[in-house]
């Protein structure tokens, strides 16, 4: 059994329409709902980066589609940095899960439809972190994440260093994990509506 912090269930969900899922009968009417826990399972951990990727995707989709349901598999992603730079690869994996965008190794499609390949690009000439573009309309939204607006709790870094060095006791290790996830909660839940946490530019 997987026991996770309760606030994962309180995070806003992301619902999309996936034409491929509808075509193959994988989801009724092609409606797919993603939760923050889905992103955690993909990444294998929960951190400010995973939370930021999740929130940036949710905000970009809302601006791209207004009152429409976002369409999975029809969104191109462009990252300013290289795939191996910093945490870009982790962010790309999370956003790729949510949007269906993939590089050349993605789903090839069926009969010329549902192709998910070549929708994920790196080293793009943009000033923001990420650009999301609808392939049907060409409308785009660029996002930049500002995790520094939600700093870690006092003492967390010291506990992290002790835990990494193998000199923290069991209570200190538990407290480090609690403080780490507390920051994620403050990003994902407490500041989900903070317009400055993920800024956007619509093109």
Foldseek 3Di string as FASTA:
>chain_A
DDDDDPCQVVFDKAWAAEVVCCVVVVDPNRIDIGTLVVLCVQLVHFFQLSLQLVLLLRVFQCVVAVPDGHYALQKAKEFQADCPPDCNVSSCSSSCVVRVADEQPGDCDDPPPSGRYPRYYYNDPDPAGMKIAGNVPRKIKGKHADLVVQDFDPPLVVLVVCVVVVNDDPVSVVVNVVRRVVSSCCVRPVCSVPCVRMDMDID
